[in-house]
C-alpha atoms as a PDB file:
ATOM      1  CA  MET A   1     -30.710 -15.740  50.310  1.00  0.00           C
ATOM      2  CA  SER A   2     -30.180 -12.906  47.649  1.00  0.00           C
ATOM      3  CA  ASP A   3     -29.489 -14.209  44.227  1.00  0.00           C
ATOM      4  CA  PRO A   4     -25.952 -13.150  43.380  1.00  0.00           C
ATOM      5  CA  TYR A   5     -27.194 -13.412  39.596  1.00  0.00           C
ATOM      6  CA  GLN A   6     -30.358 -11.311  39.756  1.00  0.00           C
ATOM      7  CA  LEU A   7     -30.391  -8.505  37.187  1.00  0.00           C
ATOM      8  CA  SER A   8     -32.948  -6.263  38.730  1.00  0.00           C
ATOM      9  CA  ASP A   9     -31.320  -3.708  41.139  1.00  0.00           C
ATOM     10  CA  SER A  10     -33.555  -3.054  44.043  1.00  0.00           C
ATOM     11  CA  SER A  11     -30.604  -1.223  46.244  1.00  0.00           C
ATOM     12  CA  PRO A  12     -30.932   2.760  46.373  1.00  0.00           C
ATOM     13  CA  HIS A  13     -27.558   3.572  45.643  1.00  0.00           C
ATOM     14  CA  THR A  14     -27.425   4.909  42.184  1.00  0.00           C
ATOM     15  CA  ALA A  15     -24.341   5.022  40.264  1.00  0.00           C
ATOM     16  CA  ALA A  16     -21.939   8.169  40.358  1.00  0.00           C
ATOM     17  CA  PRO A  17     -21.817  10.090  36.608  1.00  0.00           C
ATOM     18  CA  PRO A  18     -18.482   9.500  34.781  1.00  0.00           C
ATOM     19  CA  GLN A  19     -15.527  11.997  35.822  1.00  0.00           C
ATOM     20  CA  ARG A  20     -14.352  13.551  32.785  1.00  0.00           C
ATOM     21  CA  LYS A  21     -10.034  13.734  33.329  1.00  0.00           C
ATOM     22  CA  PRO A  22      -9.199  17.208  32.905  1.00  0.00           C
ATOM     23  CA  GLY A  23      -7.980  18.628  29.785  1.00  0.00           C
ATOM     24  CA  SER A  24      -9.739  15.745  27.716  1.00  0.00           C
ATOM     25  CA  ALA A  25     -11.343  18.911  25.722  1.00  0.00           C
ATOM     26  CA  ALA A  26      -7.839  19.889  24.886  1.00  0.00           C
ATOM     27  CA  THR A  27      -7.258  17.063  23.904  1.00  0.00           C
ATOM     28  CA  ALA A  28     -10.482  16.571  21.862  1.00  0.00           C
ATOM     29  CA  VAL A  29      -9.069  20.083  20.041  1.00  0.00           C
ATOM     30  CA  LEU A  30      -5.780  19.150  19.637  1.00  0.00           C
ATOM     31  CA  TRP A  31      -6.939  15.846  17.337  1.00  0.00           C
ATOM     32  CA  THR A  32      -9.174  18.059  15.625  1.00  0.00           C
ATOM     33  CA  PHE A  33      -6.598  20.565  14.302  1.00  0.00           C
ATOM     34  CA  ALA A  34      -4.210  17.684  13.937  1.00  0.00           C
ATOM     35  CA  ALA A  35      -6.761  15.928  11.374  1.00  0.00           C
ATOM     36  CA  ILE A  36      -7.877  19.608   9.702  1.00  0.00           C
ATOM     37  CA  PHE A  37      -4.133  19.763   8.772  1.00  0.00           C
ATOM     38  CA  ALA A  38      -3.444  16.312   7.692  1.00  0.00           C
ATOM     39  CA  GLY A  39      -5.949  16.658   5.545  1.00  0.00           C
ATOM     40  CA  LEU A  40      -5.174  19.981   4.285  1.00  0.00           C
ATOM     41  CA  ASN A  41      -1.283  18.444   3.876  1.00  0.00           C
ATOM     42  CA  ALA A  42      -2.875  15.729   1.864  1.00  0.00           C
ATOM     43  CA  ALA A  43      -5.017  18.488  -0.519  1.00  0.00           C
ATOM     44  CA  SER A  44      -2.168  20.781  -1.230  1.00  0.00           C
ATOM     45  CA  SER A  45      -0.043  17.961  -2.463  1.00  0.00           C
ATOM     46  CA  VAL A  46      -2.343  16.204  -4.580  1.00  0.00           C
ATOM     47  CA  ALA A  47      -3.519  19.989  -5.699  1.00  0.00           C
ATOM     48  CA  GLY A  48       0.451  20.166  -6.723  1.00  0.00           C
ATOM     49  CA  TYR A  49       1.048  22.995  -4.230  1.00  0.00           C
ATOM     50  CA  ASP A  50       4.316  21.512  -2.430  1.00  0.00           C
ATOM     51  CA  LEU A  51       5.590  24.250  -0.477  1.00  0.00           C
ATOM     52  CA  ILE A  52       2.033  24.884   1.170  1.00  0.00           C
ATOM     53  CA  GLY A  53       1.348  20.665   1.561  1.00  0.00           C
ATOM     54  CA  SER A  54       4.676  20.870   3.504  1.00  0.00           C
ATOM     55  CA  VAL A  55       3.708  23.874   5.857  1.00  0.00           C
ATOM     56  CA  PHE A  56       0.326  22.004   6.594  1.00  0.00           C
ATOM     57  CA  GLY A  57       1.852  19.159   7.295  1.00  0.00           C
ATOM     58  CA  GLY A  58       4.495  20.957   9.815  1.00  0.00           C
ATOM     59  CA  ILE A  59       1.748  22.667  11.919  1.00  0.00           C
ATOM     60  CA  GLY A  60       0.106  18.746  12.070  1.00  0.00           C
ATOM     61  CA  LEU A  61       3.326  17.317  13.024  1.00  0.00           C
ATOM     62  CA  VAL A  62       3.221  19.890  15.861  1.00  0.00           C
ATOM     63  CA  PHE A  63      -0.072  19.162  16.949  1.00  0.00           C
ATOM     64  CA  ILE A  64       0.598  14.856  16.941  1.00  0.00           C
ATOM     65  CA  ILE A  65       4.117  16.445  19.297  1.00  0.00           C
ATOM     66  CA  VAL A  66       1.811  18.193  21.688  1.00  0.00           C
ATOM     67  CA  LEU A  67      -0.386  15.026  21.928  1.00  0.00           C
ATOM     68  CA  VAL A  68       2.147  12.762  22.538  1.00  0.00           C
ATOM     69  CA  VAL A  69       3.850  15.134  25.050  1.00  0.00           C
ATOM     70  CA  ARG A  70       0.585  15.299  27.309  1.00  0.00           C
ATOM     71  CA  TYR A  71       0.431  11.778  27.001  1.00  0.00           C
ATOM     72  CA  VAL A  72       3.885  10.977  28.371  1.00  0.00           C
ATOM     73  CA  ARG A  73       3.308  13.456  30.948  1.00  0.00           C
ATOM     74  CA  ARG A  74       0.367  12.427  32.461  1.00  0.00           C
ATOM     75  CA  LYS A  75       1.627   8.677  32.385  1.00  0.00           C
ATOM     76  CA  ARG A  76       4.404   9.830  34.802  1.00  0.00           C
ATOM     77  CA  SER A  77       2.528  11.632  36.953  1.00  0.00           C
END
């Protein structure tokens, strides 16, 4: 009788490597740029360059919107 609670696995099968989702590298890059522009927005706003900070904030917002649109499209498909 086999023990279902056995800790060692003596079976010959091997686990398949985890599959990466398509576009996961692009998502990581988008998050990286969103974080960079959020930091630039904060730094320029603190330094008193409000107009430049607003531009950086707008660009960062565009990256966040792209991430949300990609997420919604993947959930629907």
